[in-house]
Protein backbone atom coordinates (compact mmCIF):
# COMPACT_ATOMS: atom_id res chain seq x y z
CA MET A 1 109.38 122.35 105.22
CA ILE A 2 107.34 119.40 103.99
CA TRP A 3 108.71 116.01 103.00
CA GLN A 4 108.64 115.06 99.31
CA LEU A 5 109.61 111.81 97.63
CA THR A 6 110.95 114.00 94.82
CA ASP A 7 110.47 117.59 93.74
CA ASP A 8 110.69 116.69 90.04
CA LYS A 9 107.48 114.83 89.33
CA ARG A 10 107.78 114.65 85.56
CA TRP A 11 107.32 111.05 84.46
CA SER A 12 110.44 111.12 82.29
CA ALA A 13 112.47 112.27 85.31
CA LEU A 14 111.00 109.54 87.50
CA ARG A 15 111.91 106.87 84.93
CA GLN A 16 115.45 108.16 84.76
CA ARG A 17 115.99 108.52 88.51
CA PHE A 18 114.32 105.37 89.86
CA SER A 19 115.04 101.93 88.40
CA TRP A 20 111.83 100.58 89.92
CA VAL A 21 109.82 103.12 87.93
CA GLU A 22 111.52 102.09 84.70
CA GLU A 23 110.79 98.44 85.51
CA MET A 24 107.08 99.25 85.53
CA HIS A 25 107.26 99.70 81.76
CA HIS A 26 108.52 96.13 81.41
CA THR A 27 105.59 94.67 83.38
CA PRO A 28 102.48 93.79 81.36
CA GLN A 29 98.89 93.90 82.61
CA ASP A 30 95.72 92.09 81.60
CA PRO A 31 94.28 94.00 78.62
CA GLU A 32 90.68 93.44 79.71
CA HIS A 33 91.13 95.37 82.95
CA HIS A 34 94.06 97.54 81.84
CA GLY A 35 93.54 98.46 78.23
CA GLU A 36 95.93 101.38 78.70
CA GLY A 37 98.98 99.10 78.68
CA ASP A 38 101.82 98.23 81.05
CA VAL A 39 102.21 99.13 84.73
CA GLY A 40 104.26 102.22 83.88
CA VAL A 41 101.58 103.63 81.58
CA HIS A 42 98.94 102.87 84.22
CA THR A 43 100.90 104.47 87.07
CA GLU A 44 101.53 107.66 85.10
CA MET A 45 97.80 107.85 84.34
CA VAL A 46 96.97 107.29 88.04
CA LEU A 47 99.22 110.18 89.06
CA ASN A 48 97.70 112.45 86.45
CA ALA A 49 94.19 111.52 87.56
CA LEU A 50 95.03 111.99 91.23
CA ILE A 51 96.25 115.57 90.98
CA THR A 52 93.09 116.62 89.12
CA LEU A 53 90.71 115.34 91.79
CA PRO A 54 89.15 118.25 93.74
CA GLU A 55 89.43 116.28 96.99
CA PHE A 56 93.18 115.90 96.43
CA GLN A 57 93.63 119.59 95.69
CA GLN A 58 91.91 120.47 98.97
CA LEU A 59 94.30 118.37 101.07
CA PRO A 60 97.12 119.97 103.08
CA ALA A 61 100.40 119.98 101.16
CA GLN A 62 101.98 117.21 103.24
CA GLN A 63 99.02 114.88 102.77
CA GLN A 64 99.18 115.54 99.04
CA GLU A 65 102.81 114.40 99.00
CA VAL A 66 101.98 111.26 101.00
CA LEU A 67 99.16 110.33 98.66
CA TRP A 68 101.20 111.10 95.55
CA ALA A 69 104.04 108.86 96.80
CA ALA A 70 101.58 106.05 97.53
CA ALA A 71 100.13 106.36 94.04
CA LEU A 72 103.60 106.15 92.52
CA LEU A 73 104.43 103.04 94.55
CA HIS A 74 101.07 101.28 94.66
CA ASP A 75 101.91 98.73 91.94
CA VAL A 76 105.69 98.66 92.40
CA GLU A 77 105.76 94.90 92.98
CA LYS A 78 103.70 93.84 90.03
CA ARG A 79 107.18 93.44 88.56
CA SER A 80 107.86 90.43 90.81
CA THR A 81 104.37 88.93 91.08
CA THR A 82 102.99 89.09 87.54
CA VAL A 83 102.17 85.70 86.01
CA GLN A 84 100.22 84.40 83.04
CA GLU A 85 97.68 81.67 83.73
CA ASN A 86 95.10 80.37 81.27
CA GLY A 87 95.83 83.24 78.95
CA ARG A 88 95.22 85.91 81.63
CA ILE A 89 97.75 88.17 83.34
CA GLN A 90 97.56 88.40 87.13
CA SER A 91 99.69 89.84 89.93
CA PRO A 92 98.69 87.96 93.10
CA GLY A 93 100.15 89.37 96.31
CA HIS A 94 101.58 92.49 94.70
CA ALA A 95 100.16 94.79 97.38
CA ARG A 96 101.64 92.81 100.26
CA ARG A 97 105.04 92.58 98.63
CA GLY A 98 104.77 96.20 97.56
CA GLU A 99 104.36 97.23 101.19
CA LEU A 100 107.71 95.64 102.09
CA THR A 101 109.47 97.18 99.09
CA ALA A 102 108.00 100.64 99.65
CA ARG A 103 109.13 100.53 103.28
CA GLN A 104 112.68 99.67 102.23
CA ILE A 105 112.80 102.40 99.59
CA LEU A 106 111.54 105.02 102.03
CA TRP A 107 113.86 103.95 104.83
CA ARG A 108 117.06 103.16 102.96
CA ASP A 109 117.01 105.13 99.69
CA ILE A 110 114.74 108.12 100.33
CA PRO A 111 114.86 108.92 104.08
CA THR A 112 111.27 109.52 105.14
CA PRO A 113 109.88 110.39 108.60
CA PHE A 114 108.47 107.25 110.18
CA VAL A 115 104.86 108.42 110.47
CA LEU A 116 104.71 109.56 106.84
CA ARG A 117 106.44 106.42 105.59
CA GLU A 118 104.02 104.14 107.38
CA GLN A 119 101.05 106.07 105.97
CA ILE A 120 102.45 105.56 102.48
CA VAL A 121 103.17 101.85 102.87
CA ALA A 122 99.73 101.29 104.42
CA LEU A 123 98.14 102.90 101.37
CA VAL A 124 100.22 100.66 99.12
CA ARG A 125 99.18 97.58 101.10
CA LEU A 126 95.48 98.42 101.22
CA HIS A 127 94.93 100.26 97.94
CA GLY A 128 92.48 97.63 96.66
CA LEU A 129 90.38 97.46 99.84
CA PRO A 130 87.60 99.86 98.77
CA LEU A 131 86.92 97.72 95.69
CA TRP A 132 86.51 94.33 97.31
CA LEU A 133 85.68 95.06 100.96
CA LEU A 134 81.93 94.51 100.76
CA GLU A 135 82.40 91.15 99.03
CA ARG A 136 84.35 89.69 101.94
CA PRO A 137 83.10 87.97 105.10
CA GLU A 138 82.91 90.35 108.08
CA PRO A 139 83.58 93.55 106.11
CA GLU A 140 83.03 95.60 109.27
CA ARG A 141 85.97 93.92 111.01
CA LEU A 142 88.22 94.33 107.97
CA LEU A 143 87.32 98.01 107.72
CA LEU A 144 87.74 98.85 111.39
CA THR A 145 91.11 97.10 111.40
CA ALA A 146 92.24 99.06 108.34
CA ALA A 147 91.05 102.32 109.92
CA MET A 148 93.37 101.68 112.86
CA ARG A 149 96.20 102.00 110.39
CA ILE A 150 95.25 104.48 107.68
CA ASP A 151 93.04 107.49 106.94
CA THR A 152 90.15 105.98 104.99
CA ARG A 153 89.60 109.25 103.12
CA LEU A 154 93.08 108.98 101.59
CA LEU A 155 92.48 105.32 100.83
CA ALA A 156 89.29 106.12 98.92
CA LEU A 157 91.07 108.87 96.98
CA LEU A 158 93.87 106.52 95.97
CA ALA A 159 91.39 103.84 94.90
CA ARG A 160 89.48 106.39 92.82
CA ALA A 161 92.65 107.61 91.08
CA ASP A 162 93.68 103.98 90.52
CA LEU A 163 90.42 103.34 88.65
CA LEU A 164 90.52 106.59 86.69
CA GLY A 165 94.06 105.71 85.61
CA ARG A 166 93.01 102.64 83.65
CA GLN A 167 90.88 101.72 80.67
CA SER A 168 88.36 99.00 81.47
CA PRO A 169 84.70 98.30 80.66
CA ASP A 170 83.76 98.03 84.34
CA GLN A 171 85.22 101.38 85.41
CA GLN A 172 81.88 102.99 86.28
CA SER A 173 80.65 100.07 88.38
CA MET A 174 83.98 100.02 90.20
CA LEU A 175 83.73 103.75 90.94
CA GLU A 176 80.32 103.08 92.47
CA ARG A 177 82.00 100.61 94.82
CA ILE A 178 84.17 103.42 96.14
CA ASP A 179 81.05 105.50 96.82
CA LEU A 180 79.64 102.54 98.77
CA PHE A 181 82.94 102.23 100.63
CA GLU A 182 82.64 105.85 101.77
CA LEU A 183 79.07 105.31 102.95
CA PHE A 184 80.11 102.18 104.85
CA CYS A 185 82.96 104.10 106.53
CA HIS A 186 80.51 106.75 107.73
CA GLU A 187 78.16 104.05 108.98
CA GLN A 188 80.99 102.39 110.91
CA GLN A 189 82.26 105.70 112.36
CA CYS A 190 85.66 105.45 110.71
CA TRP A 191 85.65 107.95 107.84
CA GLY A 192 89.01 109.67 108.25
CA LYS A 193 89.47 108.38 111.78
CA MET A 194 89.75 105.23 113.85
CA ARG A 195 86.51 103.84 115.29
CA PRO A 196 86.52 104.76 119.00
CA PHE A 197 86.63 101.97 121.59
CA VAL A 198 86.03 102.44 125.30
CA SER A 199 89.40 100.86 126.16
CA ASP A 200 92.34 98.94 124.77
CA SER A 201 90.84 95.79 126.23
CA ALA A 202 87.53 96.40 124.45
CA ARG A 203 89.35 96.93 121.16
CA TRP A 204 91.42 93.78 121.68
CA HIS A 205 88.32 91.76 122.56
CA TYR A 206 86.66 92.90 119.35
CA LEU A 207 89.71 92.01 117.26
CA THR A 208 90.07 88.54 118.75
CA HIS A 209 86.45 87.40 119.08
CA GLU A 210 84.42 86.65 115.97
CA GLN A 211 80.90 88.08 115.81
CA SER A 212 81.63 90.45 118.70
CA SER A 213 80.43 94.05 118.66
CA PRO A 214 82.82 97.02 118.73
CA ASP A 215 80.58 98.48 121.46
CA PHE A 216 80.96 95.48 123.78
CA VAL A 217 82.73 96.21 127.07
CA PRO A 218 84.45 93.05 128.39
CA TRP A 219 85.03 92.22 132.02
CA GLU A 220 88.68 92.73 132.87
CA ALA A 221 90.63 90.64 135.35
CA GLU A 222 93.54 92.29 137.12
CA PRO A 223 96.07 92.49 134.29
CA PHE A 224 99.78 91.92 134.15
CA GLU A 225 101.81 93.17 131.23
CA VAL A 226 104.22 91.46 128.89
CA ILE A 227 106.36 93.75 126.75
CA LEU A 228 107.23 92.32 123.35
CA LEU A 229 110.16 94.16 121.81
CA CYS A 230 110.42 94.42 118.04
CA GLY A 231 113.18 95.80 115.85
CA LEU A 232 116.13 94.88 113.70
CA PRO A 233 119.48 94.11 115.36
CA GLY A 234 121.23 97.29 116.45
CA MET A 235 118.08 99.38 116.89
CA GLY A 236 118.56 99.89 120.63
CA LYS A 237 116.42 97.22 122.30
CA ASP A 238 118.94 96.59 125.08
CA ARG A 239 119.27 100.32 125.68
CA TYR A 240 115.51 100.62 125.93
CA ILE A 241 115.41 97.90 128.58
CA SER A 242 118.17 99.51 130.65
CA GLU A 243 116.60 102.98 130.46
CA GLN A 244 112.87 102.21 130.63
CA CYS A 245 112.38 98.79 132.23
CA GLN A 246 114.81 98.46 135.10
CA GLY A 247 113.88 95.68 137.48
CA MET A 248 111.73 93.71 135.03
CA ASP A 249 112.60 90.14 134.16
CA VAL A 250 113.92 89.73 130.62
CA ILE A 251 113.91 86.77 128.27
CA SER A 252 116.58 87.56 125.69
CA LEU A 253 117.05 85.26 122.72
CA ASP A 254 120.40 86.89 121.91
CA ASP A 255 121.71 86.11 125.40
CA MET A 256 120.54 82.51 125.11
CA ARG A 257 122.15 82.22 121.68
CA ARG A 258 125.48 83.52 122.97
CA ARG A 259 125.46 81.08 125.88
CA ILE A 260 125.65 78.19 123.40
CA ASN A 261 127.81 80.06 120.84
CA ALA A 262 125.12 79.75 118.17
CA SER A 263 125.27 81.79 114.97
CA PRO A 264 122.34 84.18 114.28
CA ASP A 265 121.67 82.37 111.00
CA ASP A 266 121.71 78.86 112.53
CA LYS A 267 118.03 77.95 112.12
CA THR A 268 118.28 74.67 114.02
CA ALA A 269 119.81 76.34 117.07
CA THR A 270 117.32 79.19 116.85
CA GLY A 271 114.42 76.73 116.98
CA ARG A 272 115.79 75.15 120.16
CA ILE A 273 116.41 78.55 121.72
CA VAL A 274 112.87 79.74 121.00
CA GLN A 275 111.38 76.62 122.60
CA GLN A 276 113.53 77.09 125.69
CA ALA A 277 112.55 80.76 125.85
CA LYS A 278 108.87 79.86 125.65
CA GLU A 279 109.26 77.46 128.57
CA GLU A 280 110.85 80.25 130.61
CA ALA A 281 108.00 82.54 129.59
CA ARG A 282 105.42 80.02 130.78
CA VAL A 283 106.96 80.11 134.24
CA PHE A 284 106.44 83.88 134.44
CA LEU A 285 102.99 83.63 132.85
CA ARG A 286 101.76 81.06 135.37
CA GLN A 287 102.98 83.39 138.13
CA LYS A 288 101.23 86.39 136.48
CA LYS A 289 104.61 88.10 136.55
CA PRO A 290 105.42 90.92 134.09
CA PHE A 291 108.42 90.38 131.84
CA ILE A 292 110.06 91.50 128.60
CA TRP A 293 110.52 89.29 125.54
CA ASN A 294 113.64 90.66 123.88
CA ALA A 295 114.10 89.53 120.27
CA THR A 296 113.81 90.98 116.79
CA ASN A 297 110.25 89.71 116.13
CA ILE A 298 110.24 91.24 112.65
CA THR A 299 107.23 89.45 111.15
CA ARG A 300 103.58 89.60 112.10
CA GLN A 301 103.28 85.81 112.05
CA LEU A 302 106.05 85.37 114.59
CA ARG A 303 104.63 88.06 116.86
CA SER A 304 101.16 86.53 116.59
CA GLN A 305 102.39 83.17 117.85
CA LEU A 306 103.98 84.78 120.89
CA ILE A 307 101.02 87.04 121.63
CA SER A 308 98.68 84.04 121.49
CA LEU A 309 100.85 82.33 124.09
CA PHE A 310 100.96 85.36 126.38
CA THR A 311 97.26 86.20 126.17
CA ALA A 312 96.28 82.58 126.81
CA TYR A 313 97.53 83.18 130.36
CA GLY A 314 95.65 86.48 130.69
CA ALA A 315 98.54 88.83 129.94
CA ARG A 316 98.08 92.29 128.54
CA VAL A 317 100.60 92.64 125.69
CA LYS A 318 102.39 95.82 124.69
CA ILE A 319 104.56 95.77 121.57
CA VAL A 320 107.42 98.26 121.61
CA TYR A 321 108.88 98.86 118.15
CA LEU A 322 112.25 100.59 117.90
CA GLU A 323 113.78 102.17 114.82
CA VAL A 324 116.51 104.64 113.88
CA PRO A 325 117.38 106.05 110.44
CA TRP A 326 119.22 103.82 107.99
CA ALA A 327 122.62 105.53 108.25
CA GLN A 328 122.52 105.57 112.04
CA TRP A 329 121.43 101.94 112.13
CA ASN A 330 124.40 100.87 110.01
CA GLN A 331 126.74 102.60 112.44
CA GLN A 332 125.06 101.19 115.54
CA ASN A 333 125.08 97.63 114.25
CA ALA A 334 128.76 97.89 113.30
CA ARG A 335 129.62 99.16 116.81
CA ARG A 336 127.74 96.39 118.64
CA GLU A 337 129.82 94.06 120.76
CA TYR A 338 128.11 91.18 118.99
CA ALA A 339 127.54 92.62 115.51
CA VAL A 340 125.19 90.64 113.28
CA PRO A 341 126.69 89.89 109.83
CA GLU A 342 125.58 92.40 107.21
CA ALA A 343 124.13 89.71 104.94
CA VAL A 344 121.91 88.51 107.78
CA VAL A 345 120.62 91.95 108.76
CA MET A 346 119.96 92.92 105.15
CA ARG A 347 117.91 89.77 104.68
CA MET A 348 116.00 90.58 107.85
CA ALA A 349 115.43 94.18 106.76
CA SER A 350 113.83 93.02 103.52
CA ARG A 351 111.28 91.00 105.54
CA LEU A 352 110.52 93.61 108.20
CA GLU A 353 106.83 94.07 108.98
CA VAL A 354 106.31 97.01 111.33
CA PRO A 355 103.79 96.13 114.08
CA GLN A 356 100.28 97.45 113.53
CA PRO A 357 97.75 98.68 116.13
CA ASP A 358 95.54 95.61 115.75
CA GLU A 359 98.26 93.17 116.81
CA ALA A 360 98.19 93.70 120.59
CA HIS A 361 96.51 95.58 123.42
CA SER A 362 98.85 98.49 122.68
CA VAL A 363 101.70 99.30 120.34
CA GLU A 364 104.35 101.88 121.13
CA TYR A 365 106.65 103.31 118.46
CA ARG A 366 109.98 104.69 119.64
CA MET A 367 111.62 106.44 116.73
CA THR A 368 114.68 108.57 116.14
CA ASP A 369 114.08 110.62 112.99
CA ARG A 370 117.12 112.60 111.96
């Protein structure tokens, strides 16, 4: 049985069932680029255009459902980002915020298998990429990074439906950009697949060195590994350590916080704890000694700062992301000896950025889908 966001895909039913769909009709768009009207009108037109595309009709049923869900959600956060400046309507950052919202909807409200959910939210995040990719510096790097995360064929289909679902004078020239995007994907060996690299180290070198070639094979010193755990409180990080990493040194921010009786939402104490933890990490790093960094690490920016520290000492970094379904997570957090207040975890959940393959030498996803 395949997953579906909903089996009733009539627009009237979607408006009635989902408040975020109804809100689309209260969100205006710039008439020059969206002569069709508000976000709701546009999204309905995108869905109608999508299902008529021959390439969509040839997809397996599950991929059709993934792409349809992404099309429904692709502009969900224009509601919170739309502004009027100099007489023009814009929605800066709507794709990034839409990724976070789509992830929450598909985890909390509409339980979705992890792999499918992350395909959908990646499409939401990157739905504009085929239109502006070739205008950006280092388009090859942007494309290969995106292809580590999403099927570029689906991305091109979504972008095409997005354009066909609007009324604008530049529609034809924009459609030609999607054709160029497809050609560029073929040229870069990432049409419907990730560009192959000879090793994780070669991929990491490419991602972290400007002007480097994806075919370059770096010299590798004898590595030692740092495991960076990632996940909301109550997702089973301590259990993972006890079952999978016995004997490894652990730097646990929760343990350090409890030693000084600091609250999880005490930002001043958290800052001191993180600095102390980094000093402990430097001791292990100078010794080339493997260890585990045990904390929530829910944002890419936070993880990036830590990974930069670890790799500066020559460490190979593996991110391990842990997640269980929403209902199970609520139960596990409530049963924890040191339960995190609900208001705190809900705020954290709204900011969660699942680690992506380009963030470290390797990323492991440990899921429980029920």
